[in-house]
C-alpha atoms as a PDB file:
ATOM      1  CA  MET A   1      18.860  -0.635 -16.560  1.00  0.00           C
ATOM      2  CA  LEU A   2      19.498   0.509 -12.989  1.00  0.00           C
ATOM      3  CA  ARG A   3      22.419   2.609 -14.207  1.00  0.00           C
ATOM      4  CA  ARG A   4      20.165   4.145 -16.866  1.00  0.00           C
ATOM      5  CA  SER A   5      17.571   5.047 -14.214  1.00  0.00           C
ATOM      6  CA  LEU A   6      20.225   6.639 -12.044  1.00  0.00           C
ATOM      7  CA  LEU A   7      21.567   8.623 -14.997  1.00  0.00           C
ATOM      8  CA  ILE A   8      18.052   9.939 -15.707  1.00  0.00           C
ATOM      9  CA  LEU A   9      17.756  11.080 -12.098  1.00  0.00           C
ATOM     10  CA  ALA A  10      21.197  12.664 -12.189  1.00  0.00           C
ATOM     11  CA  CYS A  11      20.252  14.654 -15.281  1.00  0.00           C
ATOM     12  CA  ILE A  12      17.173  16.143 -13.632  1.00  0.00           C
ATOM     13  CA  ALA A  13      18.502  16.404 -10.073  1.00  0.00           C
ATOM     14  CA  GLY A  14      19.128  20.112 -10.407  1.00  0.00           C
ATOM     15  CA  GLN A  15      15.512  20.860 -11.254  1.00  0.00           C
ATOM     16  CA  TRP A  16      13.823  18.037  -9.375  1.00  0.00           C
ATOM     17  CA  LEU A  17      12.283  19.165  -6.089  1.00  0.00           C
ATOM     18  CA  ASP A  18      10.334  17.146  -3.557  1.00  0.00           C
ATOM     19  CA  ALA A  19       6.613  17.073  -4.259  1.00  0.00           C
ATOM     20  CA  GLN A  20       5.798  18.538  -0.828  1.00  0.00           C
ATOM     21  CA  VAL A  21       4.844  15.363   1.012  1.00  0.00           C
ATOM     22  CA  ALA A  22       2.625  16.160   4.001  1.00  0.00           C
ATOM     23  CA  VAL A  23       1.748  13.808   6.856  1.00  0.00           C
ATOM     24  CA  THR A  24      -1.174  13.935   9.270  1.00  0.00           C
ATOM     25  CA  GLY A  25      -1.175  11.657  12.315  1.00  0.00           C
ATOM     26  CA  ALA A  26       0.981   8.542  12.530  1.00  0.00           C
ATOM     27  CA  MET A  27       0.493   4.842  11.912  1.00  0.00           C
ATOM     28  CA  ARG A  28       1.939   3.997  15.348  1.00  0.00           C
ATOM     29  CA  LYS A  29      -0.554   6.300  17.083  1.00  0.00           C
ATOM     30  CA  THR A  30      -3.423   4.414  15.475  1.00  0.00           C
ATOM     31  CA  MET A  31      -2.057   0.875  15.619  1.00  0.00           C
ATOM     32  CA  TRP A  32      -0.425   1.030  19.072  1.00  0.00           C
ATOM     33  CA  GLU A  33      -2.256   3.765  20.944  1.00  0.00           C
ATOM     34  CA  GLY A  34      -5.768   3.425  19.542  1.00  0.00           C
ATOM     35  CA  GLN A  35      -6.025   6.872  17.921  1.00  0.00           C
ATOM     36  CA  LEU A  36      -8.855   5.893  15.579  1.00  0.00           C
ATOM     37  CA  SER A  37     -10.842   9.090  15.118  1.00  0.00           C
ATOM     38  CA  GLY A  38     -10.350  11.144  11.991  1.00  0.00           C
ATOM     39  CA  LEU A  39      -7.691  13.863  12.068  1.00  0.00           C
ATOM     40  CA  ILE A  40      -8.047  15.012   8.469  1.00  0.00           C
ATOM     41  CA  ALA A  41     -11.163  15.370   6.301  1.00  0.00           C
ATOM     42  CA  MET A  42     -10.902  14.347   2.670  1.00  0.00           C
ATOM     43  CA  ASP A  43     -13.185  17.156   1.499  1.00  0.00           C
ATOM     44  CA  SER A  44     -10.559  19.621   2.752  1.00  0.00           C
ATOM     45  CA  ILE A  45      -7.708  18.219   0.640  1.00  0.00           C
ATOM     46  CA  ALA A  46      -9.315  16.490  -2.371  1.00  0.00           C
ATOM     47  CA  ASN A  47      -8.082  19.027  -4.905  1.00  0.00           C
ATOM     48  CA  PRO A  48      -6.713  18.482  -8.432  1.00  0.00           C
ATOM     49  CA  GLY A  49      -3.116  17.309  -8.275  1.00  0.00           C
ATOM     50  CA  THR A  50      -3.409  15.743  -4.823  1.00  0.00           C
ATOM     51  CA  TYR A  51      -2.369  12.122  -4.290  1.00  0.00           C
ATOM     52  CA  GLY A  52      -2.626  10.386  -0.934  1.00  0.00           C
ATOM     53  CA  ILE A  53      -3.273   7.180   0.991  1.00  0.00           C
ATOM     54  CA  GLY A  54      -4.471   6.114   4.426  1.00  0.00           C
ATOM     55  CA  PRO A  55      -7.252   4.281   6.265  1.00  0.00           C
ATOM     56  CA  VAL A  56     -10.779   5.458   6.985  1.00  0.00           C
ATOM     57  CA  GLU A  57     -11.287   6.630  10.567  1.00  0.00           C
ATOM     58  CA  TYR A  58     -11.990   3.857  13.073  1.00  0.00           C
ATOM     59  CA  LEU A  59     -10.307   1.557  10.528  1.00  0.00           C
ATOM     60  CA  ARG A  60     -13.525   1.031   8.599  1.00  0.00           C
ATOM     61  CA  GLY A  61     -11.993   1.061   5.111  1.00  0.00           C
ATOM     62  CA  GLU A  62      -9.226   2.506   2.941  1.00  0.00           C
ATOM     63  CA  VAL A  63      -8.781   5.868   1.191  1.00  0.00           C
ATOM     64  CA  THR A  64      -6.818   6.675  -1.960  1.00  0.00           C
ATOM     65  CA  LEU A  65      -6.601  10.124  -3.548  1.00  0.00           C
ATOM     66  CA  VAL A  66      -5.780  10.139  -7.265  1.00  0.00           C
ATOM     67  CA  ASP A  67      -5.434  13.609  -8.769  1.00  0.00           C
ATOM     68  CA  GLY A  68      -7.956  14.922  -6.266  1.00  0.00           C
ATOM     69  CA  HIS A  69     -10.460  12.125  -6.813  1.00  0.00           C
ATOM     70  CA  CYS A  70     -11.159  10.407  -3.507  1.00  0.00           C
ATOM     71  CA  PHE A  71     -11.804   6.670  -3.649  1.00  0.00           C
ATOM     72  CA  VAL A  72     -13.061   4.878  -0.535  1.00  0.00           C
ATOM     73  CA  SER A  73     -13.175   1.109  -0.203  1.00  0.00           C
ATOM     74  CA  SER A  74     -15.122  -0.860   2.370  1.00  0.00           C
ATOM     75  CA  ALA A  75     -15.609  -4.571   2.908  1.00  0.00           C
ATOM     76  CA  ILE A  76     -19.094  -5.943   2.277  1.00  0.00           C
ATOM     77  CA  ASN A  77     -18.109  -9.441   3.389  1.00  0.00           C
ATOM     78  CA  ASP A  78     -15.070 -11.734   3.301  1.00  0.00           C
ATOM     79  CA  SER A  79     -15.063 -11.901  -0.495  1.00  0.00           C
ATOM     80  CA  THR A  80     -16.624  -8.627  -1.648  1.00  0.00           C
ATOM     81  CA  MET A  81     -15.637  -4.991  -1.365  1.00  0.00           C
ATOM     82  CA  GLN A  82     -17.256  -1.743  -2.471  1.00  0.00           C
ATOM     83  CA  VAL A  83     -15.371   1.209  -3.946  1.00  0.00           C
ATOM     84  CA  GLN A  84     -17.025   4.620  -4.032  1.00  0.00           C
ATOM     85  CA  GLU A  85     -15.822   8.037  -5.096  1.00  0.00           C
ATOM     86  CA  ARG A  86     -16.742  10.309  -2.176  1.00  0.00           C
ATOM     87  CA  THR A  87     -15.133  12.885   0.085  1.00  0.00           C
ATOM     88  CA  ASP A  88     -17.297  12.672   3.215  1.00  0.00           C
ATOM     89  CA  VAL A  89     -14.744  10.610   5.162  1.00  0.00           C
ATOM     90  CA  LYS A  90     -11.837  11.278   7.516  1.00  0.00           C
ATOM     91  CA  ALA A  91      -8.586   9.446   8.219  1.00  0.00           C
ATOM     92  CA  PRO A  92      -6.708   8.931  11.518  1.00  0.00           C
ATOM     93  CA  PHE A  93      -3.385   9.122   9.651  1.00  0.00           C
ATOM     94  CA  PHE A  94      -2.740  10.131   6.069  1.00  0.00           C
ATOM     95  CA  VAL A  95       0.146  10.947   3.737  1.00  0.00           C
ATOM     96  CA  ARG A  96      -0.347  13.129   0.672  1.00  0.00           C
ATOM     97  CA  ALA A  97       1.462  15.252  -1.900  1.00  0.00           C
ATOM     98  CA  MET A  98       0.608  17.876  -4.490  1.00  0.00           C
ATOM     99  CA  VAL A  99       1.930  16.857  -7.907  1.00  0.00           C
ATOM    100  CA  SER A 100       2.094  19.035 -11.004  1.00  0.00           C
ATOM    101  CA  SER A 101       4.007  16.600 -13.224  1.00  0.00           C
ATOM    102  CA  TRP A 102       5.525  13.129 -13.256  1.00  0.00           C
ATOM    103  CA  VAL A 103       8.983  11.898 -14.204  1.00  0.00           C
ATOM    104  CA  ASP A 104       9.128   8.491 -15.921  1.00  0.00           C
ATOM    105  CA  VAL A 105      11.784   6.200 -14.455  1.00  0.00           C
ATOM    106  CA  PRO A 106      12.635   2.943 -16.294  1.00  0.00           C
ATOM    107  CA  LEU A 107      12.312  -0.202 -14.208  1.00  0.00           C
ATOM    108  CA  PRO A 108      15.091  -2.807 -14.318  1.00  0.00           C
ATOM    109  CA  PRO A 109      13.979  -6.352 -15.262  1.00  0.00           C
ATOM    110  CA  GLU A 110      14.658  -7.628 -11.735  1.00  0.00           C
ATOM    111  CA  VAL A 111      12.017  -5.337 -10.178  1.00  0.00           C
ATOM    112  CA  VAL A 112       8.967  -7.607 -10.118  1.00  0.00           C
ATOM    113  CA  ASP A 113       7.433  -7.331  -6.628  1.00  0.00           C
ATOM    114  CA  LEU A 114       7.221  -5.117  -3.534  1.00  0.00           C
ATOM    115  CA  PRO A 115      10.576  -6.108  -1.970  1.00  0.00           C
ATOM    116  CA  SER A 116      12.489  -5.501  -5.217  1.00  0.00           C
ATOM    117  CA  LEU A 117      10.557  -2.258  -5.791  1.00  0.00           C
ATOM    118  CA  ASP A 118      11.428  -1.146  -2.257  1.00  0.00           C
ATOM    119  CA  ALA A 119      15.111  -1.916  -2.872  1.00  0.00           C
ATOM    120  CA  PHE A 120      15.083  -0.105  -6.221  1.00  0.00           C
ATOM    121  CA  LEU A 121      13.403   2.988  -4.809  1.00  0.00           C
ATOM    122  CA  THR A 122      15.797   2.971  -1.857  1.00  0.00           C
ATOM    123  CA  THR A 123      18.655   3.188  -4.340  1.00  0.00           C
ATOM    124  CA  LEU A 124      16.911   5.982  -6.217  1.00  0.00           C
ATOM    125  CA  GLY A 125      16.085   7.661  -2.931  1.00  0.00           C
ATOM    126  CA  LYS A 126      19.756   8.354  -2.353  1.00  0.00           C
ATOM    127  CA  GLU A 127      19.354  11.034  -5.046  1.00  0.00           C
ATOM    128  CA  ARG A 128      16.569  12.686  -3.065  1.00  0.00           C
ATOM    129  CA  SER A 129      16.586  14.748   0.104  1.00  0.00           C
ATOM    130  CA  GLY A 130      13.279  13.577   1.515  1.00  0.00           C
ATOM    131  CA  PRO A 131      10.147  11.456   1.050  1.00  0.00           C
ATOM    132  CA  PHE A 132       8.466  11.282  -2.334  1.00  0.00           C
ATOM    133  CA  VAL A 133       5.311  10.072  -4.013  1.00  0.00           C
ATOM    134  CA  PHE A 134       5.339   7.584  -6.878  1.00  0.00           C
ATOM    135  CA  ARG A 135       2.898   5.849  -9.194  1.00  0.00           C
ATOM    136  CA  ILE A 136       2.951   2.599 -11.112  1.00  0.00           C
ATOM    137  CA  ASP A 137       0.411   2.137 -13.908  1.00  0.00           C
ATOM    138  CA  GLY A 138      -0.151  -0.971 -15.987  1.00  0.00           C
ATOM    139  CA  LEU A 139      -0.886  -4.681 -15.875  1.00  0.00           C
ATOM    140  CA  VAL A 140      -0.504  -6.348 -12.494  1.00  0.00           C
ATOM    141  CA  THR A 141      -0.038 -10.103 -12.625  1.00  0.00           C
ATOM    142  CA  GLU A 142      -1.017 -10.717  -9.009  1.00  0.00           C
ATOM    143  CA  ALA A 143      -1.892  -8.495  -6.071  1.00  0.00           C
ATOM    144  CA  HIS A 144      -2.809  -9.233  -2.479  1.00  0.00           C
ATOM    145  CA  LEU A 145      -4.460  -6.343  -0.680  1.00  0.00           C
ATOM    146  CA  HIS A 146      -6.459  -5.738   2.431  1.00  0.00           C
ATOM    147  CA  VAL A 147      -9.295  -3.453   3.452  1.00  0.00           C
ATOM    148  CA  MET A 148      -9.533  -2.569   7.134  1.00  0.00           C
ATOM    149  CA  ASP A 149     -12.868  -3.643   8.629  1.00  0.00           C
ATOM    150  CA  VAL A 150     -12.629  -3.194  12.393  1.00  0.00           C
ATOM    151  CA  PRO A 151     -16.055  -3.622  14.076  1.00  0.00           C
ATOM    152  CA  PRO A 152     -17.435  -0.427  15.631  1.00  0.00           C
ATOM    153  CA  GLY A 153     -16.468  -0.040  19.282  1.00  0.00           C
ATOM    154  CA  THR A 154     -13.370  -2.237  19.052  1.00  0.00           C
ATOM    155  CA  GLU A 155     -10.422  -1.081  21.155  1.00  0.00           C
ATOM    156  CA  ILE A 156      -7.028  -1.234  19.460  1.00  0.00           C
ATOM    157  CA  HIS A 157      -3.976  -1.929  21.623  1.00  0.00           C
ATOM    158  CA  GLY A 158      -1.610  -3.170  18.923  1.00  0.00           C
ATOM    159  CA  PRO A 159      -1.337  -4.105  15.238  1.00  0.00           C
ATOM    160  CA  ASP A 160      -2.732  -7.585  15.876  1.00  0.00           C
ATOM    161  CA  ASP A 161      -5.971  -6.052  17.150  1.00  0.00           C
ATOM    162  CA  ALA A 162      -6.177  -3.783  14.115  1.00  0.00           C
ATOM    163  CA  HIS A 163      -5.483  -6.460  11.526  1.00  0.00           C
ATOM    164  CA  ALA A 164      -7.557  -9.236  13.091  1.00  0.00           C
ATOM    165  CA  SER A 165     -10.678  -7.985  11.307  1.00  0.00           C
ATOM    166  CA  GLN A 166      -9.167  -6.895   7.995  1.00  0.00           C
ATOM    167  CA  LYS A 167     -10.564  -8.423   4.827  1.00  0.00           C
ATOM    168  CA  ASN A 168      -8.041  -9.854   2.367  1.00  0.00           C
ATOM    169  CA  PHE A 169      -8.448  -9.908  -1.407  1.00  0.00           C
ATOM    170  CA  THR A 170      -6.439 -11.395  -4.265  1.00  0.00           C
ATOM    171  CA  LEU A 171      -6.460  -9.948  -7.783  1.00  0.00           C
ATOM    172  CA  ARG A 172      -4.898 -11.463 -10.900  1.00  0.00           C
ATOM    173  CA  ASP A 173      -4.176  -9.965 -14.311  1.00  0.00           C
ATOM    174  CA  VAL A 174      -5.749  -6.567 -13.690  1.00  0.00           C
ATOM    175  CA  ASN A 175      -4.949  -3.131 -15.045  1.00  0.00           C
ATOM    176  CA  ALA A 176      -4.316  -0.931 -12.061  1.00  0.00           C
ATOM    177  CA  GLU A 177      -2.897   2.285 -10.654  1.00  0.00           C
ATOM    178  CA  LEU A 178      -0.579   2.071  -7.673  1.00  0.00           C
ATOM    179  CA  VAL A 179      -0.120   5.151  -5.506  1.00  0.00           C
ATOM    180  CA  GLY A 180       2.804   4.904  -3.124  1.00  0.00           C
ATOM    181  CA  PHE A 181       4.996   6.943  -0.810  1.00  0.00           C
ATOM    182  CA  PHE A 182       8.675   6.369  -0.123  1.00  0.00           C
ATOM    183  CA  SER A 183      10.735   7.381   2.889  1.00  0.00           C
ATOM    184  CA  THR A 184      13.590   6.007   4.960  1.00  0.00           C
ATOM    185  CA  LYS A 185      12.669   8.288   7.865  1.00  0.00           C
ATOM    186  CA  HIS A 186       8.950   7.671   8.388  1.00  0.00           C
ATOM    187  CA  LYS A 187       8.755   4.104   9.676  1.00  0.00           C
ATOM    188  CA  ALA A 188       5.625   3.665  11.824  1.00  0.00           C
ATOM    189  CA  VAL A 189       4.496   7.102  10.608  1.00  0.00           C
ATOM    190  CA  PHE A 190       3.314   6.247   7.115  1.00  0.00           C
ATOM    191  CA  THR A 191       5.373   3.122   6.351  1.00  0.00           C
ATOM    192  CA  HIS A 192       5.609  -0.088   8.347  1.00  0.00           C
ATOM    193  CA  HIS A 193       8.727  -0.754  10.436  1.00  0.00           C
ATOM    194  CA  ASP A 194      10.221  -3.179   7.901  1.00  0.00           C
ATOM    195  CA  THR A 195       9.775  -1.261   4.649  1.00  0.00           C
ATOM    196  CA  ASN A 196      10.421   2.132   3.066  1.00  0.00           C
ATOM    197  CA  ILE A 197       7.216   2.166   1.023  1.00  0.00           C
ATOM    198  CA  HIS A 198       3.467   2.276   1.624  1.00  0.00           C
ATOM    199  CA  VAL A 199       1.352   1.500  -1.433  1.00  0.00           C
ATOM    200  CA  HIS A 200      -2.339   1.376  -2.320  1.00  0.00           C
ATOM    201  CA  LEU A 201      -3.720  -0.287  -5.448  1.00  0.00           C
ATOM    202  CA  LEU A 202      -6.773   0.906  -7.392  1.00  0.00           C
ATOM    203  CA  THR A 203      -7.975  -1.044 -10.393  1.00  0.00           C
ATOM    204  CA  MET A 204      -8.590   0.949 -13.553  1.00  0.00           C
ATOM    205  CA  ASP A 205     -12.240  -0.092 -13.571  1.00  0.00           C
ATOM    206  CA  ARG A 206     -12.550   1.221  -9.964  1.00  0.00           C
ATOM    207  CA  SER A 207     -13.944  -2.097  -8.709  1.00  0.00           C
ATOM    208  CA  ALA A 208     -11.195  -2.816  -6.154  1.00  0.00           C
ATOM    209  CA  MET A 209      -8.878  -0.728  -3.982  1.00  0.00           C
ATOM    210  CA  GLY A 210      -6.872  -1.343  -0.850  1.00  0.00           C
ATOM    211  CA  HIS A 211      -3.585  -1.473   1.007  1.00  0.00           C
ATOM    212  CA  LEU A 212      -1.119  -3.525  -1.024  1.00  0.00           C
ATOM    213  CA  GLU A 213       0.587  -6.368   0.841  1.00  0.00           C
ATOM    214  CA  ARG A 214       2.088  -8.438  -1.969  1.00  0.00           C
ATOM    215  CA  LEU A 215       2.515  -7.765  -5.664  1.00  0.00           C
ATOM    216  CA  ARG A 216       3.771  -9.379  -8.848  1.00  0.00           C
ATOM    217  CA  PHE A 217       4.218  -7.651 -12.201  1.00  0.00           C
ATOM    218  CA  ASP A 218       6.235  -7.680 -15.406  1.00  0.00           C
ATOM    219  CA  PRO A 219       8.331  -4.477 -15.360  1.00  0.00           C
ATOM    220  CA  SER A 220       8.059  -4.206 -19.151  1.00  0.00           C
ATOM    221  CA  ARG A 221       4.276  -3.843 -18.840  1.00  0.00           C
ATOM    222  CA  VAL A 222       4.082  -1.092 -16.223  1.00  0.00           C
ATOM    223  CA  ARG A 223       5.353   2.478 -15.885  1.00  0.00           C
ATOM    224  CA  LEU A 224       6.969   3.942 -12.788  1.00  0.00           C
ATOM    225  CA  LYS A 225       6.606   7.682 -12.268  1.00  0.00           C
ATOM    226  CA  ILE A 226       7.972   9.983  -9.561  1.00  0.00           C
ATOM    227  CA  GLY A 227       5.998  13.062  -8.583  1.00  0.00           C
ATOM    228  CA  ARG A 228       7.228  16.628  -8.963  1.00  0.00           C
ATOM    229  CA  PRO A 229       5.695  19.786  -7.425  1.00  0.00           C
END
């Protein structure tokens, strides 16, 4: 199956261009240097075809753009979140891309979680010249996600400070959309230092959304797509 995926990419390599990934701010600036104020307003970029992910300014929630629709999650308490479609928010760092079409890429049977997805995309990434946006749609067996919920006025001097107040949620057997970005050159910019991917999950019923930490799925029940400009 991996060979088949690589052959598909080889066939379209000549016409497959990067989907113009754009980055504002940097994860390290927020998590290590306390740059919490918004650097980019969602109402300025929430246009059809735009996909993007990042936190709400001052780390008060999460933002996911899906085809220009801006979904914002915030924690109500330790066990409840709220998801709203709104554009009146900013982000301290954000990664986004304009997509006009998607290329389906078959998933091998061994790709069942975030580490194996990261490894698979890293292999596929050798066929690309830069970062790219991807989606996974379908049934998710299990997902662990967080929503940032830093109390107003909190100073951030490192990731531990930022994540101390996050709210954690577990979902099982949900239909969801995953929006992710891949790069081997943007660690601590829009991916963490130990991974090449940064992924948000949004349930199809729009009741839950957040930064994906752990994931389990059956590759035969989801579809992986890579964005094209």
